[in-house]
PDB file of N, CA and C in Angstrom:
ATOM      1  N   MET A   1      -5.941 -30.225 -13.890  1.00  0.00           N
ATOM      2  CA  MET A   1      -5.758 -29.779 -12.540  1.00  0.00           C
ATOM      3  C   MET A   1      -6.011 -30.919 -11.557  1.00  0.00           C
ATOM      4  N   ASN A   2      -6.983 -31.753 -11.855  1.00  0.00           N
ATOM      5  CA  ASN A   2      -7.261 -32.875 -10.946  1.00  0.00           C
ATOM      6  C   ASN A   2      -6.066 -33.815 -10.834  1.00  0.00           C
ATOM      7  N   GLU A   3      -5.370 -34.071 -11.949  1.00  0.00           N
ATOM      8  CA  GLU A   3      -4.188 -34.935 -11.913  1.00  0.00           C
ATOM      9  C   GLU A   3      -3.086 -34.302 -11.077  1.00  0.00           C
ATOM     10  N   ILE A   4      -2.884 -33.005 -11.230  1.00  0.00           N
ATOM     11  CA  ILE A   4      -1.870 -32.300 -10.456  1.00  0.00           C
ATOM     12  C   ILE A   4      -2.219 -32.359  -8.972  1.00  0.00           C
ATOM     13  N   HIS A   5      -3.458 -32.127  -8.654  1.00  0.00           N
ATOM     14  CA  HIS A   5      -3.873 -32.147  -7.249  1.00  0.00           C
ATOM     15  C   HIS A   5      -3.746 -33.538  -6.646  1.00  0.00           C
ATOM     16  N   SER A   6      -4.005 -34.564  -7.434  1.00  0.00           N
ATOM     17  CA  SER A   6      -3.825 -35.934  -6.943  1.00  0.00           C
ATOM     18  C   SER A   6      -2.364 -36.194  -6.603  1.00  0.00           C
ATOM     19  N   LYS A   7      -1.434 -35.706  -7.437  1.00  0.00           N
ATOM     20  CA  LYS A   7      -0.007 -35.858  -7.162  1.00  0.00           C
ATOM     21  C   LYS A   7       0.374 -35.139  -5.873  1.00  0.00           C
ATOM     22  N   ILE A   8      -0.160 -33.946  -5.680  1.00  0.00           N
ATOM     23  CA  ILE A   8       0.144 -33.173  -4.480  1.00  0.00           C
ATOM     24  C   ILE A   8      -0.379 -33.895  -3.245  1.00  0.00           C
ATOM     25  N   GLU A   9      -1.625 -34.354  -3.297  1.00  0.00           N
ATOM     26  CA  GLU A   9      -2.212 -35.048  -2.155  1.00  0.00           C
ATOM     27  C   GLU A   9      -1.420 -36.301  -1.809  1.00  0.00           C
ATOM     28  N   LYS A  10      -0.955 -37.021  -2.829  1.00  0.00           N
ATOM     29  CA  LYS A  10      -0.171 -38.234  -2.587  1.00  0.00           C
ATOM     30  C   LYS A  10       1.187 -37.885  -1.971  1.00  0.00           C
ATOM     31  N   ALA A  11       1.795 -36.802  -2.408  1.00  0.00           N
ATOM     32  CA  ALA A  11       3.138 -36.436  -1.945  1.00  0.00           C
ATOM     33  C   ALA A  11       3.149 -35.831  -0.546  1.00  0.00           C
ATOM     34  N   VAL A  12       2.165 -34.966  -0.231  1.00  0.00           N
ATOM     35  CA  VAL A  12       2.218 -34.243   1.046  1.00  0.00           C
ATOM     36  C   VAL A  12       1.079 -34.576   1.994  1.00  0.00           C
ATOM     37  N   GLY A  13       0.124 -35.364   1.545  1.00  0.00           N
ATOM     38  CA  GLY A  13      -1.032 -35.660   2.388  1.00  0.00           C
ATOM     39  C   GLY A  13      -2.055 -34.540   2.296  1.00  0.00           C
ATOM     40  N   GLY A  14      -3.017 -34.564   3.179  1.00  0.00           N
ATOM     41  CA  GLY A  14      -4.041 -33.534   3.176  1.00  0.00           C
ATOM     42  C   GLY A  14      -5.038 -33.721   2.053  1.00  0.00           C
ATOM     43  N   LYS A  15      -5.755 -32.632   1.764  1.00  0.00           N
ATOM     44  CA  LYS A  15      -6.721 -32.669   0.662  1.00  0.00           C
ATOM     45  C   LYS A  15      -6.843 -31.289   0.053  1.00  0.00           C
ATOM     46  N   ILE A  16      -7.386 -31.247  -1.139  1.00  0.00           N
ATOM     47  CA  ILE A  16      -7.542 -30.000  -1.869  1.00  0.00           C
ATOM     48  C   ILE A  16      -9.002 -29.842  -2.243  1.00  0.00           C
ATOM     49  N   ASP A  17      -9.561 -28.691  -1.908  1.00  0.00           N
ATOM     50  CA  ASP A  17     -10.942 -28.368  -2.273  1.00  0.00           C
ATOM     51  C   ASP A  17     -10.930 -27.354  -3.404  1.00  0.00           C
ATOM     52  N   GLY A  18     -11.905 -27.465  -4.276  1.00  0.00           N
ATOM     53  CA  GLY A  18     -12.040 -26.476  -5.340  1.00  0.00           C
ATOM     54  C   GLY A  18     -12.308 -27.182  -6.644  1.00  0.00           C
ATOM     55  N   PRO A  19     -12.446 -26.466  -7.693  1.00  0.00           N
ATOM     56  CA  PRO A  19     -12.205 -25.036  -7.791  1.00  0.00           C
ATOM     57  C   PRO A  19     -13.401 -24.216  -7.316  1.00  0.00           C
ATOM     58  N   TYR A  20     -13.068 -23.045  -6.801  1.00  0.00           N
ATOM     59  CA  TYR A  20     -14.070 -22.038  -6.465  1.00  0.00           C
ATOM     60  C   TYR A  20     -13.803 -20.838  -7.359  1.00  0.00           C
ATOM     61  N   PHE A  21     -14.818 -20.089  -7.626  1.00  0.00           N
ATOM     62  CA  PHE A  21     -14.692 -18.930  -8.501  1.00  0.00           C
ATOM     63  C   PHE A  21     -15.100 -17.667  -7.741  1.00  0.00           C
ATOM     64  N   PRO A  22     -14.183 -17.146  -6.908  1.00  0.00           N
ATOM     65  CA  PRO A  22     -14.509 -15.988  -6.075  1.00  0.00           C
ATOM     66  C   PRO A  22     -14.600 -14.707  -6.883  1.00  0.00           C
ATOM     67  N   GLN A  23     -15.260 -13.714  -6.344  1.00  0.00           N
ATOM     68  CA  GLN A  23     -15.385 -12.427  -7.019  1.00  0.00           C
ATOM     69  C   GLN A  23     -14.063 -11.682  -7.062  1.00  0.00           C
ATOM     70  N   SER A  24     -13.207 -11.933  -6.072  1.00  0.00           N
ATOM     71  CA  SER A  24     -11.953 -11.186  -5.992  1.00  0.00           C
ATOM     72  C   SER A  24     -10.808 -11.816  -6.782  1.00  0.00           C
ATOM     73  N   GLY A  25     -11.026 -12.930  -7.429  1.00  0.00           N
ATOM     74  CA  GLY A  25      -9.982 -13.602  -8.188  1.00  0.00           C
ATOM     75  C   GLY A  25     -10.584 -14.449  -9.278  1.00  0.00           C
ATOM     76  N   THR A  26      -9.734 -15.067 -10.056  1.00  0.00           N
ATOM     77  CA  THR A  26     -10.248 -15.870 -11.152  1.00  0.00           C
ATOM     78  C   THR A  26     -10.479 -17.315 -10.764  1.00  0.00           C
ATOM     79  N   LEU A  27      -9.700 -17.819  -9.807  1.00  0.00           N
ATOM     80  CA  LEU A  27      -9.814 -19.220  -9.438  1.00  0.00           C
ATOM     81  C   LEU A  27      -9.231 -19.421  -8.042  1.00  0.00           C
ATOM     82  N   LEU A  28      -9.871 -20.286  -7.250  1.00  0.00           N
ATOM     83  CA  LEU A  28      -9.425 -20.516  -5.884  1.00  0.00           C
ATOM     84  C   LEU A  28      -9.449 -21.999  -5.576  1.00  0.00           C
ATOM     85  N   TYR A  29      -8.340 -22.492  -5.023  1.00  0.00           N
ATOM     86  CA  TYR A  29      -8.268 -23.847  -4.490  1.00  0.00           C
ATOM     87  C   TYR A  29      -7.864 -23.729  -3.029  1.00  0.00           C
ATOM     88  N   ILE A  30      -8.384 -24.598  -2.190  1.00  0.00           N
ATOM     89  CA  ILE A  30      -8.048 -24.600  -0.774  1.00  0.00           C
ATOM     90  C   ILE A  30      -7.283 -25.882  -0.465  1.00  0.00           C
ATOM     91  N   PHE A  31      -6.069 -25.717   0.037  1.00  0.00           N
ATOM     92  CA  PHE A  31      -5.212 -26.838   0.399  1.00  0.00           C
ATOM     93  C   PHE A  31      -5.319 -27.034   1.908  1.00  0.00           C
ATOM     94  N   HIS A  32      -5.722 -28.213   2.345  1.00  0.00           N
ATOM     95  CA  HIS A  32      -5.781 -28.562   3.768  1.00  0.00           C
ATOM     96  C   HIS A  32      -4.588 -29.457   4.071  1.00  0.00           C
ATOM     97  N   VAL A  33      -3.652 -28.967   4.866  1.00  0.00           N
ATOM     98  CA  VAL A  33      -2.482 -29.757   5.245  1.00  0.00           C
ATOM     99  C   VAL A  33      -2.268 -29.645   6.744  1.00  0.00           C
ATOM    100  N   ASP A  34      -1.492 -30.584   7.308  1.00  0.00           N
ATOM    101  CA  ASP A  34      -1.326 -30.604   8.758  1.00  0.00           C
ATOM    102  C   ASP A  34      -0.176 -29.749   9.274  1.00  0.00           C
ATOM    103  N   LYS A  35       0.754 -29.322   8.418  1.00  0.00           N
ATOM    104  CA  LYS A  35       1.887 -28.495   8.836  1.00  0.00           C
ATOM    105  C   LYS A  35       2.163 -27.438   7.776  1.00  0.00           C
ATOM    106  N   TYR A  36       2.643 -26.291   8.216  1.00  0.00           N
ATOM    107  CA  TYR A  36       2.954 -25.220   7.266  1.00  0.00           C
ATOM    108  C   TYR A  36       3.953 -25.666   6.215  1.00  0.00           C
ATOM    109  N   GLU A  37       4.931 -26.483   6.608  1.00  0.00           N
ATOM    110  CA  GLU A  37       5.937 -26.962   5.671  1.00  0.00           C
ATOM    111  C   GLU A  37       5.284 -27.712   4.501  1.00  0.00           C
ATOM    112  N   ARG A  38       4.220 -28.414   4.795  1.00  0.00           N
ATOM    113  CA  ARG A  38       3.510 -29.160   3.750  1.00  0.00           C
ATOM    114  C   ARG A  38       2.867 -28.208   2.739  1.00  0.00           C
ATOM    115  N   LEU A  39       2.425 -27.059   3.186  1.00  0.00           N
ATOM    116  CA  LEU A  39       1.845 -26.072   2.278  1.00  0.00           C
ATOM    117  C   LEU A  39       2.897 -25.587   1.296  1.00  0.00           C
ATOM    118  N   ASN A  40       4.104 -25.344   1.784  1.00  0.00           N
ATOM    119  CA  ASN A  40       5.194 -24.935   0.892  1.00  0.00           C
ATOM    120  C   ASN A  40       5.510 -26.028  -0.112  1.00  0.00           C
ATOM    121  N   GLU A  41       5.577 -27.260   0.351  1.00  0.00           N
ATOM    122  CA  GLU A  41       5.828 -28.392  -0.553  1.00  0.00           C
ATOM    123  C   GLU A  41       4.742 -28.478  -1.619  1.00  0.00           C
ATOM    124  N   ALA A  42       3.494 -28.335  -1.195  1.00  0.00           N
ATOM    125  CA  ALA A  42       2.373 -28.409  -2.136  1.00  0.00           C
ATOM    126  C   ALA A  42       2.499 -27.329  -3.202  1.00  0.00           C
ATOM    127  N   GLY A  43       2.859 -26.132  -2.793  1.00  0.00           N
ATOM    128  CA  GLY A  43       3.033 -25.034  -3.749  1.00  0.00           C
ATOM    129  C   GLY A  43       4.143 -25.289  -4.739  1.00  0.00           C
ATOM    130  N   ARG A  44       5.253 -25.838  -4.263  1.00  0.00           N
ATOM    131  CA  ARG A  44       6.366 -26.134  -5.168  1.00  0.00           C
ATOM    132  C   ARG A  44       5.996 -27.219  -6.173  1.00  0.00           C
ATOM    133  N   ILE A  45       5.308 -28.244  -5.718  1.00  0.00           N
ATOM    134  CA  ILE A  45       4.869 -29.314  -6.632  1.00  0.00           C
ATOM    135  C   ILE A  45       3.889 -28.749  -7.652  1.00  0.00           C
ATOM    136  N   PHE A  46       2.933 -27.958  -7.168  1.00  0.00           N
ATOM    137  CA  PHE A  46       1.929 -27.364  -8.052  1.00  0.00           C
ATOM    138  C   PHE A  46       2.597 -26.547  -9.153  1.00  0.00           C
ATOM    139  N   TYR A  47       3.494 -25.657  -8.767  1.00  0.00           N
ATOM    140  CA  TYR A  47       4.132 -24.794  -9.757  1.00  0.00           C
ATOM    141  C   TYR A  47       4.959 -25.600 -10.755  1.00  0.00           C
ATOM    142  N   ALA A  48       5.699 -26.608 -10.273  1.00  0.00           N
ATOM    143  CA  ALA A  48       6.504 -27.441 -11.166  1.00  0.00           C
ATOM    144  C   ALA A  48       5.627 -28.180 -12.172  1.00  0.00           C
ATOM    145  N   GLU A  49       4.494 -28.699 -11.719  1.00  0.00           N
ATOM    146  CA  GLU A  49       3.615 -29.462 -12.607  1.00  0.00           C
ATOM    147  C   GLU A  49       2.941 -28.579 -13.653  1.00  0.00           C
ATOM    148  N   VAL A  50       2.454 -27.408 -13.266  1.00  0.00           N
ATOM    149  CA  VAL A  50       1.808 -26.548 -14.270  1.00  0.00           C
ATOM    150  C   VAL A  50       2.839 -26.002 -15.242  1.00  0.00           C
ATOM    151  N   SER A  51       4.070 -25.787 -14.777  1.00  0.00           N
ATOM    152  CA  SER A  51       5.138 -25.336 -15.680  1.00  0.00           C
ATOM    153  C   SER A  51       5.503 -26.420 -16.676  1.00  0.00           C
ATOM    154  N   LYS A  52       5.614 -27.659 -16.191  1.00  0.00           N
ATOM    155  CA  LYS A  52       5.969 -28.787 -17.053  1.00  0.00           C
ATOM    156  C   LYS A  52       4.926 -28.980 -18.155  1.00  0.00           C
ATOM    157  N   LEU A  53       3.662 -28.798 -17.814  1.00  0.00           N
ATOM    158  CA  LEU A  53       2.580 -28.982 -18.789  1.00  0.00           C
ATOM    159  C   LEU A  53       2.293 -27.720 -19.595  1.00  0.00           C
ATOM    160  N   LYS A  54       3.032 -26.649 -19.294  1.00  0.00           N
ATOM    161  CA  LYS A  54       2.888 -25.362 -19.979  1.00  0.00           C
ATOM    162  C   LYS A  54       1.462 -24.822 -19.888  1.00  0.00           C
ATOM    163  N   LEU A  55       0.868 -25.013 -18.716  1.00  0.00           N
ATOM    164  CA  LEU A  55      -0.462 -24.461 -18.478  1.00  0.00           C
ATOM    165  C   LEU A  55      -0.334 -22.975 -18.155  1.00  0.00           C
ATOM    166  N   PRO A  56      -1.235 -22.161 -18.684  1.00  0.00           N
ATOM    167  CA  PRO A  56      -1.158 -20.717 -18.422  1.00  0.00           C
ATOM    168  C   PRO A  56      -1.755 -20.375 -17.058  1.00  0.00           C
ATOM    169  N   PHE A  57      -1.182 -20.948 -16.025  1.00  0.00           N
ATOM    170  CA  PHE A  57      -1.748 -20.803 -14.694  1.00  0.00           C
ATOM    171  C   PHE A  57      -0.618 -20.548 -13.711  1.00  0.00           C
ATOM    172  N   VAL A  58      -0.607 -19.388 -13.099  1.00  0.00           N
ATOM    173  CA  VAL A  58       0.427 -19.039 -12.139  1.00  0.00           C
ATOM    174  C   VAL A  58      -0.243 -18.453 -10.907  1.00  0.00           C
ATOM    175  N   PRO A  59       0.040 -19.022  -9.729  1.00  0.00           N
ATOM    176  CA  PRO A  59      -0.536 -18.444  -8.519  1.00  0.00           C
ATOM    177  C   PRO A  59       0.006 -17.041  -8.300  1.00  0.00           C
ATOM    178  N   ASN A  60      -0.873 -16.115  -7.931  1.00  0.00           N
ATOM    179  CA  ASN A  60      -0.381 -14.763  -7.678  1.00  0.00           C
ATOM    180  C   ASN A  60      -0.452 -14.385  -6.205  1.00  0.00           C
ATOM    181  N   THR A  61      -1.181 -15.132  -5.403  1.00  0.00           N
ATOM    182  CA  THR A  61      -1.195 -14.891  -3.964  1.00  0.00           C
ATOM    183  C   THR A  61      -1.409 -16.205  -3.237  1.00  0.00           C
ATOM    184  N   TYR A  62      -0.947 -16.215  -2.009  1.00  0.00           N
ATOM    185  CA  TYR A  62      -1.209 -17.326  -1.111  1.00  0.00           C
ATOM    186  C   TYR A  62      -1.792 -16.727   0.152  1.00  0.00           C
ATOM    187  N   GLU A  63      -2.797 -17.335   0.689  1.00  0.00           N
ATOM    188  CA  GLU A  63      -3.347 -16.913   1.971  1.00  0.00           C
ATOM    189  C   GLU A  63      -3.333 -18.119   2.891  1.00  0.00           C
ATOM    190  N   VAL A  64      -2.910 -17.895   4.124  1.00  0.00           N
ATOM    191  CA  VAL A  64      -2.813 -18.973   5.088  1.00  0.00           C
ATOM    192  C   VAL A  64      -3.823 -18.724   6.187  1.00  0.00           C
ATOM    193  N   ALA A  65      -4.625 -19.727   6.498  1.00  0.00           N
ATOM    194  CA  ALA A  65      -5.611 -19.633   7.580  1.00  0.00           C
ATOM    195  C   ALA A  65      -5.301 -20.711   8.610  1.00  0.00           C
ATOM    196  N   VAL A  66      -5.436 -20.337   9.876  1.00  0.00           N
ATOM    197  CA  VAL A  66      -5.214 -21.293  10.956  1.00  0.00           C
ATOM    198  C   VAL A  66      -6.380 -21.221  11.922  1.00  0.00           C
ATOM    199  N   THR A  67      -6.512 -22.251  12.721  1.00  0.00           N
ATOM    200  CA  THR A  67      -7.575 -22.260  13.743  1.00  0.00           C
ATOM    201  C   THR A  67      -7.137 -21.384  14.898  1.00  0.00           C
ATOM    202  N   PRO A  68      -8.083 -20.909  15.716  1.00  0.00           N
ATOM    203  CA  PRO A  68      -7.708 -20.125  16.897  1.00  0.00           C
ATOM    204  C   PRO A  68      -6.710 -20.861  17.810  1.00  0.00           C
ATOM    205  N   LYS A  69      -6.895 -22.172  17.953  1.00  0.00           N
ATOM    206  CA  LYS A  69      -5.994 -22.956  18.798  1.00  0.00           C
ATOM    207  C   LYS A  69      -4.569 -22.914  18.237  1.00  0.00           C
ATOM    208  N   GLU A  70      -4.439 -23.066  16.902  1.00  0.00           N
ATOM    209  CA  GLU A  70      -3.117 -23.002  16.290  1.00  0.00           C
ATOM    210  C   GLU A  70      -2.492 -21.611  16.442  1.00  0.00           C
ATOM    211  N   PHE A  71      -3.301 -20.578  16.333  1.00  0.00           N
ATOM    212  CA  PHE A  71      -2.789 -19.206  16.393  1.00  0.00           C
ATOM    213  C   PHE A  71      -2.370 -18.816  17.804  1.00  0.00           C
ATOM    214  N   PHE A  72      -3.220 -19.117  18.785  1.00  0.00           N
ATOM    215  CA  PHE A  72      -2.958 -18.681  20.148  1.00  0.00           C
ATOM    216  C   PHE A  72      -2.172 -19.696  20.977  1.00  0.00           C
ATOM    217  N   GLY A  73      -2.024 -20.916  20.448  1.00  0.00           N
ATOM    218  CA  GLY A  73      -1.220 -21.909  21.162  1.00  0.00           C
ATOM    219  C   GLY A  73      -1.990 -22.834  21.961  1.00  0.00           C
TER     220      GLY A  73
END
């Protein structure tokens, strides 16, 4: 996972925090990016890399958080 995350960070910028092990899920990573488009790119790279390596890991939800300034303008 660290190698995959390094590829994502290099391709789209930002940083990735985790892993976290929340009660409501099995595994959580937090992607910090500067634009929503970058989040989509990160997800596509992530899925392609885990598929290529045949890892039994598939994201089942995405949650997007923004700052109040970003939300209200």
